[in-house]
Protein backbone atom coordinates (compact mmCIF):
# COMPACT_ATOMS: atom_id res chain seq x y z
CA UNK A 1 106.12 89.83 99.69
CA UNK A 2 103.17 91.63 98.11
CA UNK A 3 101.16 94.23 99.99
CA UNK A 4 98.13 91.97 99.72
CA UNK A 5 99.96 89.15 101.53
CA UNK A 6 101.24 91.61 104.12
CA UNK A 7 97.68 92.87 104.70
CA UNK A 8 96.49 89.31 105.26
CA UNK A 9 99.29 88.73 107.76
CA UNK A 10 98.50 92.01 109.51
CA UNK A 11 94.88 91.02 110.05
CA UNK A 12 95.79 88.81 113.02
CA UNK A 13 98.42 91.12 114.47
CA UNK A 14 97.92 92.74 117.85
CA UNK A 15 98.49 96.47 118.24
CA UNK A 16 101.91 96.95 119.85
CA UNK A 17 102.33 100.73 119.53
CA UNK A 18 99.80 103.33 120.66
CA UNK A 19 99.97 106.99 119.66
CA UNK A 20 98.37 109.26 122.24
CA UNK A 21 98.33 112.95 123.04
CA UNK A 22 102.14 113.14 122.94
CA UNK A 23 101.89 112.59 119.19
CA UNK A 24 103.88 110.52 116.76
CA UNK A 25 107.23 111.93 117.88
CA UNK A 26 106.95 109.99 121.12
CA UNK A 27 106.69 106.60 119.35
CA UNK A 28 109.29 106.96 116.57
CA UNK A 29 112.03 105.13 118.49
CA UNK A 30 109.71 102.38 119.69
CA UNK A 31 108.29 101.78 116.22
CA UNK A 32 111.78 101.74 114.69
CA UNK A 33 112.91 99.17 117.25
CA UNK A 34 109.89 96.97 116.65
CA UNK A 35 110.29 97.14 112.87
CA UNK A 36 113.87 95.87 113.21
CA UNK A 37 112.66 92.68 114.85
CA UNK A 38 109.22 92.27 113.26
CA UNK A 39 108.20 92.34 109.63
CA UNK A 40 104.94 94.12 110.45
CA UNK A 41 103.90 96.42 113.29
CA UNK A 42 100.34 97.55 113.98
CA UNK A 43 99.89 101.04 115.44
CA UNK A 44 96.72 102.48 116.96
CA UNK A 45 96.10 106.23 116.86
CA UNK A 46 94.05 107.26 119.90
CA UNK A 47 91.57 110.13 119.63
CA UNK A 48 93.90 112.45 121.56
CA UNK A 49 96.60 111.96 118.92
CA UNK A 50 94.33 112.65 115.99
CA UNK A 51 92.93 116.06 116.91
CA UNK A 52 91.87 117.47 113.56
CA UNK A 53 94.18 115.18 111.59
CA UNK A 54 93.14 111.96 109.90
CA UNK A 55 94.65 108.61 110.80
CA UNK A 56 95.91 108.34 107.21
CA UNK A 57 97.81 111.63 107.45
CA UNK A 58 99.36 110.72 110.78
CA UNK A 59 100.28 107.24 109.55
CA UNK A 60 101.94 108.63 106.42
CA UNK A 61 103.88 111.12 108.53
CA UNK A 62 104.97 108.39 110.93
CA UNK A 63 106.02 106.09 108.08
CA UNK A 64 108.22 108.88 106.76
CA UNK A 65 109.75 109.49 110.21
CA UNK A 66 110.79 105.84 110.65
CA UNK A 67 111.53 105.23 106.96
CA UNK A 68 108.93 102.45 106.83
CA UNK A 69 106.30 101.42 104.33
CA UNK A 70 102.69 102.09 105.26
CA UNK A 71 100.85 98.91 104.27
CA UNK A 72 97.34 100.00 105.18
CA UNK A 73 95.19 102.09 107.48
CA UNK A 74 91.89 100.80 108.73
CA UNK A 75 89.79 102.77 111.18
CA UNK A 76 92.24 104.18 113.70
CA UNK A 77 94.99 101.63 113.14
CA UNK A 78 97.82 101.48 110.65
CA UNK A 79 100.19 98.70 109.64
CA UNK A 80 103.84 99.42 108.92
CA UNK A 81 106.47 97.29 107.17
């Protein structure tokens, strides 16, 4: 499926993973589990997680950690495939 179609699908998705002050390390297992049973997972990066880092940087790092594809970032949320 193309990234454009995945983005359209992601539009109606609810956030199911939140990254807080514990950072991305604390959600790696949860995101991996969710990606095994769902094609797309939407993640929200709370202010405490971002610190001086952009959502895009954190999302790219998280995608690498779980070996997933980062479909898009918008505001403080990211969609993984």
